[in-house]
Amino acid sequence: MNWTALVDPLVRYSLLAAIVTITAAYLLVGSGLPLLLLAGAGLLLIALGAGEAGAAPASGFADAENGGEEGLTEGMEMVPGSGNHSLRAKLLFYGIGLVVWDVVGLAMLLG
């Protein structure tokens, strides 16, 4: 697995986009309620983003690769390219960012 390919969506969606979303929601409303709602939305996005990860059986990958059928394995990767991320990866990383930064924000409000 190419771990460096995971850094780009992690920074782009989990850090930047999630922090901007949470900060904007808090500044617009001024309470912790939008943070709770965004945490729930983040959990939903994680489920949607990771839900397809188990859709293809492991034997399907081996059969497609051994049979020379490259078309079957295209798009099944978590991050297919360094600059062109799948919708699944975007949802997963954005959802993770929302949940993590919501927990941080709520801890700061309650602390």
N, C-alpha and C. Protein backbone atom coordinates (compact mmCIF):
# COMPACT_ATOMS: atom_id res chain seq x y z
N MET A 1 0.84 -1.17 0.00
CA MET A 1 0.00 0.00 0.00
C MET A 1 0.89 1.24 0.00
N ASN A 2 0.51 2.22 -0.77
CA ASN A 2 1.25 3.46 -0.88
C ASN A 2 0.77 4.44 0.19
N TRP A 3 1.52 4.52 1.28
CA TRP A 3 1.11 5.37 2.40
C TRP A 3 1.22 6.85 2.08
N THR A 4 2.12 7.22 1.18
CA THR A 4 2.25 8.64 0.84
C THR A 4 1.03 9.13 0.07
N ALA A 5 0.32 8.23 -0.60
CA ALA A 5 -0.89 8.63 -1.31
C ALA A 5 -2.03 8.95 -0.35
N LEU A 6 -1.93 8.51 0.90
CA LEU A 6 -2.95 8.81 1.90
C LEU A 6 -2.75 10.16 2.56
N VAL A 7 -1.56 10.73 2.42
CA VAL A 7 -1.27 12.01 3.07
C VAL A 7 -2.07 13.14 2.44
N ASP A 8 -2.21 13.15 1.12
CA ASP A 8 -2.93 14.22 0.43
C ASP A 8 -4.40 14.29 0.86
N PRO A 9 -5.17 13.19 0.81
CA PRO A 9 -6.56 13.32 1.27
C PRO A 9 -6.67 13.56 2.77
N LEU A 10 -5.69 13.07 3.54
CA LEU A 10 -5.71 13.32 4.97
C LEU A 10 -5.58 14.81 5.25
N VAL A 11 -4.63 15.47 4.60
CA VAL A 11 -4.43 16.91 4.80
C VAL A 11 -5.58 17.71 4.21
N ARG A 12 -5.97 17.35 2.99
CA ARG A 12 -6.98 18.12 2.28
C ARG A 12 -8.35 18.02 2.91
N TYR A 13 -8.79 16.82 3.26
CA TYR A 13 -10.16 16.63 3.73
C TYR A 13 -10.27 16.54 5.25
N SER A 14 -9.37 15.78 5.89
CA SER A 14 -9.48 15.61 7.34
C SER A 14 -9.02 16.84 8.10
N LEU A 15 -8.05 17.54 7.58
CA LEU A 15 -7.56 18.72 8.28
C LEU A 15 -8.22 20.00 7.77
N LEU A 16 -7.94 20.36 6.54
CA LEU A 16 -8.38 21.66 6.04
C LEU A 16 -9.90 21.79 5.92
N ALA A 17 -10.53 20.91 5.16
CA ALA A 17 -11.97 21.04 4.92
C ALA A 17 -12.77 20.87 6.20
N ALA A 18 -12.40 19.92 7.03
CA ALA A 18 -13.14 19.68 8.27
C ALA A 18 -12.99 20.85 9.24
N ILE A 19 -11.79 21.36 9.37
CA ILE A 19 -11.59 22.49 10.29
C ILE A 19 -12.34 23.73 9.81
N VAL A 20 -12.32 23.99 8.52
CA VAL A 20 -13.06 25.14 7.98
C VAL A 20 -14.56 24.97 8.22
N THR A 21 -15.09 23.77 8.00
CA THR A 21 -16.51 23.51 8.21
C THR A 21 -16.91 23.70 9.66
N ILE A 22 -16.15 23.15 10.56
CA ILE A 22 -16.49 23.23 11.98
C ILE A 22 -16.35 24.65 12.51
N THR A 23 -15.31 25.33 12.10
CA THR A 23 -15.11 26.72 12.52
C THR A 23 -16.24 27.61 12.01
N ALA A 24 -16.60 27.45 10.74
CA ALA A 24 -17.69 28.25 10.17
C ALA A 24 -19.01 27.96 10.88
N ALA A 25 -19.30 26.70 11.15
CA ALA A 25 -20.55 26.36 11.83
C ALA A 25 -20.59 26.94 13.24
N TYR A 26 -19.49 26.87 13.95
CA TYR A 26 -19.47 27.42 15.30
C TYR A 26 -19.59 28.95 15.29
N LEU A 27 -18.90 29.60 14.37
CA LEU A 27 -18.96 31.06 14.32
C LEU A 27 -20.34 31.56 13.88
N LEU A 28 -21.01 30.82 13.02
CA LEU A 28 -22.34 31.23 12.57
C LEU A 28 -23.39 31.09 13.67
N VAL A 29 -23.33 30.03 14.44
CA VAL A 29 -24.36 29.76 15.44
C VAL A 29 -23.91 30.17 16.85
N GLY A 30 -22.67 29.93 17.18
CA GLY A 30 -22.14 30.33 18.48
C GLY A 30 -22.46 29.39 19.62
N SER A 31 -22.81 28.15 19.31
CA SER A 31 -23.07 27.17 20.37
C SER A 31 -22.51 25.82 19.96
N GLY A 32 -22.65 24.86 20.85
CA GLY A 32 -22.12 23.52 20.58
C GLY A 32 -23.06 22.63 19.80
N LEU A 33 -24.30 23.06 19.58
CA LEU A 33 -25.26 22.23 18.86
C LEU A 33 -24.82 21.88 17.44
N PRO A 34 -24.30 22.83 16.65
CA PRO A 34 -23.85 22.44 15.31
C PRO A 34 -22.68 21.45 15.35
N LEU A 35 -21.87 21.51 16.40
CA LEU A 35 -20.78 20.56 16.52
C LEU A 35 -21.31 19.15 16.74
N LEU A 36 -22.37 19.02 17.53
CA LEU A 36 -22.97 17.70 17.72
C LEU A 36 -23.59 17.18 16.43
N LEU A 37 -24.26 18.06 15.70
CA LEU A 37 -24.86 17.65 14.43
C LEU A 37 -23.80 17.28 13.40
N LEU A 38 -22.71 18.03 13.37
CA LEU A 38 -21.63 17.71 12.43
C LEU A 38 -20.91 16.42 12.82
N ALA A 39 -20.85 16.12 14.11
CA ALA A 39 -20.26 14.84 14.53
C ALA A 39 -21.11 13.68 14.03
N GLY A 40 -22.42 13.82 14.12
CA GLY A 40 -23.31 12.79 13.58
C GLY A 40 -23.18 12.67 12.07
N ALA A 41 -23.07 13.80 11.40
CA ALA A 41 -22.87 13.77 9.94
C ALA A 41 -21.54 13.13 9.59
N GLY A 42 -20.53 13.38 10.41
CA GLY A 42 -19.22 12.77 10.18
C GLY A 42 -19.27 11.25 10.31
N LEU A 43 -20.01 10.76 11.30
CA LEU A 43 -20.16 9.31 11.45
C LEU A 43 -20.89 8.72 10.25
N LEU A 44 -21.88 9.42 9.75
CA LEU A 44 -22.59 8.95 8.55
C LEU A 44 -21.67 8.93 7.34
N LEU A 45 -20.85 9.95 7.19
CA LEU A 45 -19.91 9.99 6.06
C LEU A 45 -18.86 8.88 6.16
N ILE A 46 -18.43 8.58 7.38
CA ILE A 46 -17.47 7.48 7.56
C ILE A 46 -18.12 6.16 7.13
N ALA A 47 -19.37 5.96 7.54
CA ALA A 47 -20.06 4.73 7.16
C ALA A 47 -20.25 4.65 5.65
N LEU A 48 -20.58 5.76 5.03
CA LEU A 48 -20.75 5.76 3.57
C LEU A 48 -19.43 5.57 2.85
N GLY A 49 -18.37 6.18 3.36
CA GLY A 49 -17.07 6.07 2.71
C GLY A 49 -16.43 4.72 2.87
N ALA A 50 -16.60 4.11 4.03
CA ALA A 50 -15.98 2.81 4.29
C ALA A 50 -16.91 1.66 3.95
N GLY A 51 -18.16 1.94 3.68
CA GLY A 51 -19.13 0.88 3.41
C GLY A 51 -18.82 0.08 2.18
N GLU A 52 -18.24 0.68 1.17
CA GLU A 52 -17.92 -0.03 -0.05
C GLU A 52 -16.64 -0.82 0.06
N ALA A 53 -15.88 -0.61 1.12
CA ALA A 53 -14.59 -1.28 1.23
C ALA A 53 -14.74 -2.79 1.33
N GLY A 54 -15.82 -3.27 1.91
CA GLY A 54 -16.02 -4.71 2.05
C GLY A 54 -16.91 -5.30 0.98
N ALA A 55 -17.26 -4.54 -0.04
CA ALA A 55 -18.21 -5.01 -1.03
C ALA A 55 -17.64 -6.09 -1.93
N ALA A 56 -16.36 -6.04 -2.24
CA ALA A 56 -15.74 -7.02 -3.13
C ALA A 56 -14.99 -8.05 -2.30
N PRO A 57 -15.25 -9.33 -2.55
CA PRO A 57 -14.52 -10.35 -1.79
C PRO A 57 -13.05 -10.38 -2.18
N ALA A 58 -12.22 -10.82 -1.25
CA ALA A 58 -10.78 -10.85 -1.51
C ALA A 58 -10.44 -11.79 -2.65
N SER A 59 -11.20 -12.86 -2.81
CA SER A 59 -10.91 -13.80 -3.91
C SER A 59 -11.19 -13.16 -5.25
N GLY A 60 -12.08 -12.18 -5.29
CA GLY A 60 -12.37 -11.49 -6.55
C GLY A 60 -11.17 -10.72 -7.06
N PHE A 61 -10.39 -10.14 -6.16
CA PHE A 61 -9.19 -9.42 -6.56
C PHE A 61 -8.17 -10.38 -7.16
N ALA A 62 -7.97 -11.50 -6.49
CA ALA A 62 -6.97 -12.45 -6.97
C ALA A 62 -7.37 -13.03 -8.32
N ASP A 63 -8.63 -13.36 -8.49
CA ASP A 63 -9.08 -13.92 -9.76
C ASP A 63 -8.95 -12.90 -10.89
N ALA A 64 -9.27 -11.65 -10.61
CA ALA A 64 -9.17 -10.63 -11.65
C ALA A 64 -7.73 -10.36 -12.02
N GLU A 65 -6.84 -10.34 -11.03
CA GLU A 65 -5.43 -10.07 -11.33
C GLU A 65 -4.77 -11.25 -12.04
N ASN A 66 -5.10 -12.46 -11.63
CA ASN A 66 -4.51 -13.64 -12.27
C ASN A 66 -5.06 -13.86 -13.67
N GLY A 67 -6.30 -13.49 -13.89
CA GLY A 67 -6.92 -13.71 -15.20
C GLY A 67 -6.59 -12.64 -16.21
N GLY A 68 -5.83 -11.63 -15.82
CA GLY A 68 -5.48 -10.57 -16.75
C GLY A 68 -6.61 -9.62 -17.05
N GLU A 69 -7.58 -9.55 -16.19
CA GLU A 69 -8.73 -8.67 -16.38
C GLU A 69 -8.50 -7.40 -15.57
N GLU A 70 -7.71 -6.48 -16.11
CA GLU A 70 -7.36 -5.27 -15.36
C GLU A 70 -8.57 -4.38 -15.14
N GLY A 71 -9.56 -4.44 -16.01
CA GLY A 71 -10.72 -3.57 -15.89
C GLY A 71 -11.52 -3.82 -14.63
N LEU A 72 -11.45 -5.04 -14.09
CA LEU A 72 -12.21 -5.35 -12.88
C LEU A 72 -11.60 -4.73 -11.64
N THR A 73 -10.31 -4.51 -11.63
CA THR A 73 -9.68 -3.97 -10.44
C THR A 73 -9.56 -2.45 -10.46
N GLU A 74 -9.85 -1.81 -11.56
CA GLU A 74 -9.77 -0.35 -11.61
C GLU A 74 -10.85 0.26 -10.75
N GLY A 75 -10.50 1.25 -9.98
CA GLY A 75 -11.46 1.95 -9.13
C GLY A 75 -11.73 1.25 -7.82
N MET A 76 -11.16 0.08 -7.57
CA MET A 76 -11.39 -0.63 -6.32
C MET A 76 -10.40 -0.21 -5.24
N GLU A 77 -9.37 0.53 -5.60
CA GLU A 77 -8.38 0.94 -4.62
C GLU A 77 -8.96 2.03 -3.73
N MET A 78 -8.38 2.15 -2.55
CA MET A 78 -8.81 3.18 -1.62
C MET A 78 -8.53 4.56 -2.20
N VAL A 79 -7.34 4.75 -2.68
CA VAL A 79 -6.95 6.01 -3.30
C VAL A 79 -6.36 5.66 -4.66
N PRO A 80 -7.13 5.79 -5.75
CA PRO A 80 -6.66 5.33 -7.04
C PRO A 80 -5.50 6.11 -7.61
N GLY A 81 -5.38 7.37 -7.31
CA GLY A 81 -4.28 8.18 -7.83
C GLY A 81 -3.92 9.24 -6.84
N SER A 82 -2.77 9.87 -7.03
CA SER A 82 -2.34 10.86 -6.06
C SER A 82 -3.15 12.15 -6.16
N GLY A 83 -3.61 12.51 -7.35
CA GLY A 83 -4.35 13.75 -7.49
C GLY A 83 -5.83 13.56 -7.72
N ASN A 84 -6.25 12.37 -8.05
CA ASN A 84 -7.65 12.12 -8.36
C ASN A 84 -8.18 11.09 -7.38
N HIS A 85 -8.78 11.56 -6.30
CA HIS A 85 -9.25 10.67 -5.24
C HIS A 85 -10.68 10.25 -5.51
N SER A 86 -11.01 9.04 -5.13
CA SER A 86 -12.36 8.54 -5.31
C SER A 86 -13.31 9.23 -4.34
N LEU A 87 -14.57 9.18 -4.65
CA LEU A 87 -15.58 9.76 -3.78
C LEU A 87 -15.58 9.06 -2.44
N ARG A 88 -15.34 7.77 -2.44
CA ARG A 88 -15.29 7.00 -1.21
C ARG A 88 -14.19 7.51 -0.28
N ALA A 89 -13.02 7.79 -0.84
CA ALA A 89 -11.91 8.30 -0.04
C ALA A 89 -12.22 9.69 0.49
N LYS A 90 -12.84 10.53 -0.32
CA LYS A 90 -13.19 11.88 0.13
C LYS A 90 -14.18 11.83 1.28
N LEU A 91 -15.22 10.99 1.16
CA LEU A 91 -16.21 10.87 2.22
C LEU A 91 -15.59 10.34 3.50
N LEU A 92 -14.75 9.34 3.37
CA LEU A 92 -14.13 8.72 4.53
C LEU A 92 -13.24 9.69 5.28
N PHE A 93 -12.34 10.35 4.56
CA PHE A 93 -11.41 11.27 5.22
C PHE A 93 -12.10 12.52 5.75
N TYR A 94 -13.09 13.03 5.04
CA TYR A 94 -13.83 14.19 5.51
C TYR A 94 -14.64 13.83 6.76
N GLY A 95 -15.25 12.65 6.76
CA GLY A 95 -16.00 12.20 7.93
C GLY A 95 -15.11 12.01 9.14
N ILE A 96 -13.94 11.42 8.92
CA ILE A 96 -12.98 11.25 10.02
C ILE A 96 -12.57 12.62 10.58
N GLY A 97 -12.30 13.56 9.69
CA GLY A 97 -11.93 14.90 10.13
C GLY A 97 -13.04 15.58 10.90
N LEU A 98 -14.28 15.42 10.44
CA LEU A 98 -15.39 16.04 11.16
C LEU A 98 -15.52 15.47 12.57
N VAL A 99 -15.45 14.18 12.70
CA VAL A 99 -15.60 13.57 14.02
C VAL A 99 -14.45 13.97 14.95
N VAL A 100 -13.23 13.89 14.46
CA VAL A 100 -12.07 14.21 15.31
C VAL A 100 -12.11 15.68 15.74
N TRP A 101 -12.34 16.57 14.80
CA TRP A 101 -12.30 17.99 15.17
C TRP A 101 -13.53 18.42 15.94
N ASP A 102 -14.65 17.71 15.77
CA ASP A 102 -15.81 17.99 16.62
C ASP A 102 -15.54 17.60 18.07
N VAL A 103 -14.89 16.47 18.27
CA VAL A 103 -14.55 16.04 19.62
C VAL A 103 -13.59 17.05 20.26
N VAL A 104 -12.62 17.51 19.48
CA VAL A 104 -11.68 18.52 19.99
C VAL A 104 -12.44 19.81 20.34
N GLY A 105 -13.31 20.26 19.45
CA GLY A 105 -14.07 21.47 19.71
C GLY A 105 -14.99 21.36 20.91
N LEU A 106 -15.67 20.24 21.04
CA LEU A 106 -16.53 20.05 22.20
C LEU A 106 -15.74 19.95 23.49
N ALA A 107 -14.57 19.33 23.44
CA ALA A 107 -13.73 19.27 24.63
C ALA A 107 -13.27 20.65 25.05
N MET A 108 -12.98 21.50 24.07
CA MET A 108 -12.58 22.87 24.40
C MET A 108 -13.72 23.68 24.97
N LEU A 109 -14.94 23.46 24.46
CA LEU A 109 -16.09 24.19 24.98
C LEU A 109 -16.46 23.75 26.38
N LEU A 110 -16.33 22.46 26.65
CA LEU A 110 -16.71 21.94 27.96
C LEU A 110 -15.62 22.09 29.00
N GLY A 111 -14.37 22.25 28.52
CA GLY A 111 -13.23 22.30 29.45
C GLY A 111 -12.94 23.61 30.00
